[in-house]
C-alpha atoms as a PDB file:
ATOM      1  CA  UNK A   1     190.206 275.997 201.781  1.00  0.00           C
ATOM      2  CA  UNK A   2     190.430 279.683 200.845  1.00  0.00           C
ATOM      3  CA  UNK A   3     188.026 282.213 202.361  1.00  0.00           C
ATOM      4  CA  UNK A   4     186.183 282.794 199.077  1.00  0.00           C
ATOM      5  CA  UNK A   5     185.810 279.063 198.477  1.00  0.00           C
ATOM      6  CA  UNK A   6     184.470 278.548 202.001  1.00  0.00           C
ATOM      7  CA  UNK A   7     181.955 281.358 201.465  1.00  0.00           C
ATOM      8  CA  UNK A   8     180.734 279.614 198.288  1.00  0.00           C
ATOM      9  CA  UNK A   9     180.346 276.328 200.152  1.00  0.00           C
ATOM     10  CA  UNK A  10     178.440 278.066 202.955  1.00  0.00           C
ATOM     11  CA  UNK A  11     176.178 279.843 200.442  1.00  0.00           C
ATOM     12  CA  UNK A  12     175.411 276.552 198.691  1.00  0.00           C
ATOM     13  CA  UNK A  13     174.555 274.889 202.007  1.00  0.00           C
ATOM     14  CA  UNK A  14     172.240 277.793 202.885  1.00  0.00           C
ATOM     15  CA  UNK A  15     170.539 277.539 199.481  1.00  0.00           C
ATOM     16  CA  UNK A  16     169.963 273.808 199.978  1.00  0.00           C
ATOM     17  CA  UNK A  17     168.463 274.460 203.412  1.00  0.00           C
ATOM     18  CA  UNK A  18     166.164 277.122 201.919  1.00  0.00           C
ATOM     19  CA  UNK A  19     164.984 274.656 199.270  1.00  0.00           C
ATOM     20  CA  UNK A  20     164.138 272.090 201.941  1.00  0.00           C
ATOM     21  CA  UNK A  21     162.229 274.718 203.920  1.00  0.00           C
ATOM     22  CA  UNK A  22     160.333 275.963 200.833  1.00  0.00           C
ATOM     23  CA  UNK A  23     157.322 273.724 201.434  1.00  0.00           C
ATOM     24  CA  UNK A  24     157.009 274.901 205.038  1.00  0.00           C
ATOM     25  CA  UNK A  25     157.313 278.517 203.901  1.00  0.00           C
ATOM     26  CA  UNK A  26     154.451 278.087 201.424  1.00  0.00           C
ATOM     27  CA  UNK A  27     152.211 276.762 204.186  1.00  0.00           C
ATOM     28  CA  UNK A  28     152.899 279.626 206.597  1.00  0.00           C
ATOM     29  CA  UNK A  29     152.939 282.595 204.216  1.00  0.00           C
ATOM     30  CA  UNK A  30     150.012 283.770 202.110  1.00  0.00           C
ATOM     31  CA  UNK A  31     150.372 283.569 198.337  1.00  0.00           C
ATOM     32  CA  UNK A  32     150.599 286.697 196.196  1.00  0.00           C
ATOM     33  CA  UNK A  33     147.261 287.106 194.384  1.00  0.00           C
ATOM     34  CA  UNK A  34     149.137 288.086 191.185  1.00  0.00           C
ATOM     35  CA  UNK A  35     152.003 285.607 190.852  1.00  0.00           C
ATOM     36  CA  UNK A  36     151.369 282.965 193.537  1.00  0.00           C
ATOM     37  CA  UNK A  37     154.742 283.302 195.311  1.00  0.00           C
ATOM     38  CA  UNK A  38     154.792 283.349 199.125  1.00  0.00           C
ATOM     39  CA  UNK A  39     154.577 286.899 200.499  1.00  0.00           C
ATOM     40  CA  UNK A  40     156.576 287.907 203.556  1.00  0.00           C
ATOM     41  CA  UNK A  41     155.832 291.635 203.690  1.00  0.00           C
ATOM     42  CA  UNK A  42     153.207 293.958 202.252  1.00  0.00           C
ATOM     43  CA  UNK A  43     154.097 297.647 202.114  1.00  0.00           C
ATOM     44  CA  UNK A  44     151.073 299.926 201.839  1.00  0.00           C
ATOM     45  CA  UNK A  45     151.861 302.820 199.490  1.00  0.00           C
ATOM     46  CA  UNK A  46     148.434 304.433 199.379  1.00  0.00           C
ATOM     47  CA  UNK A  47     144.890 303.987 200.595  1.00  0.00           C
ATOM     48  CA  UNK A  48     144.194 301.262 198.060  1.00  0.00           C
ATOM     49  CA  UNK A  49     147.644 300.160 196.831  1.00  0.00           C
ATOM     50  CA  UNK A  50     150.446 298.035 198.265  1.00  0.00           C
ATOM     51  CA  UNK A  51     153.605 296.245 197.136  1.00  0.00           C
ATOM     52  CA  UNK A  52     154.061 292.559 198.013  1.00  0.00           C
ATOM     53  CA  UNK A  53     157.588 291.380 198.813  1.00  0.00           C
ATOM     54  CA  UNK A  54     159.744 289.650 197.809  1.00  0.00           C
ATOM     55  CA  UNK A  55     157.972 289.339 194.420  1.00  0.00           C
ATOM     56  CA  UNK A  56     157.375 293.092 193.973  1.00  0.00           C
ATOM     57  CA  UNK A  57     153.836 292.754 192.632  1.00  0.00           C
ATOM     58  CA  UNK A  58     151.439 295.652 193.105  1.00  0.00           C
ATOM     59  CA  UNK A  59     148.384 294.411 195.020  1.00  0.00           C
ATOM     60  CA  UNK A  60     145.305 295.940 196.656  1.00  0.00           C
ATOM     61  CA  UNK A  61     146.137 297.156 200.169  1.00  0.00           C
ATOM     62  CA  UNK A  62     143.728 294.677 201.737  1.00  0.00           C
ATOM     63  CA  UNK A  63     144.548 291.730 199.446  1.00  0.00           C
ATOM     64  CA  UNK A  64     146.387 289.792 202.136  1.00  0.00           C
ATOM     65  CA  UNK A  65     144.511 291.037 205.180  1.00  0.00           C
ATOM     66  CA  UNK A  66     143.922 288.433 207.852  1.00  0.00           C
ATOM     67  CA  UNK A  67     140.345 288.341 209.127  1.00  0.00           C
ATOM     68  CA  UNK A  68     140.087 289.518 212.739  1.00  0.00           C
ATOM     69  CA  UNK A  69     138.703 287.183 215.362  1.00  0.00           C
ATOM     70  CA  UNK A  70     135.891 288.745 217.339  1.00  0.00           C
END
């Protein structure tokens, strides 16, 4: 198999694995308040604004804050 063909096969296998893990990902990551996709990172860009990733939605800086245990 050529190198490019093998890379395509590997990419397809990775995509299938990601699809299988999608349900687990939804349970462990909070949902974006705008679009509902799982959010992995929130980048704060100002005192009240942030960008959720990977969706790119603009959200309030504290929208995905986890309550602190006291």
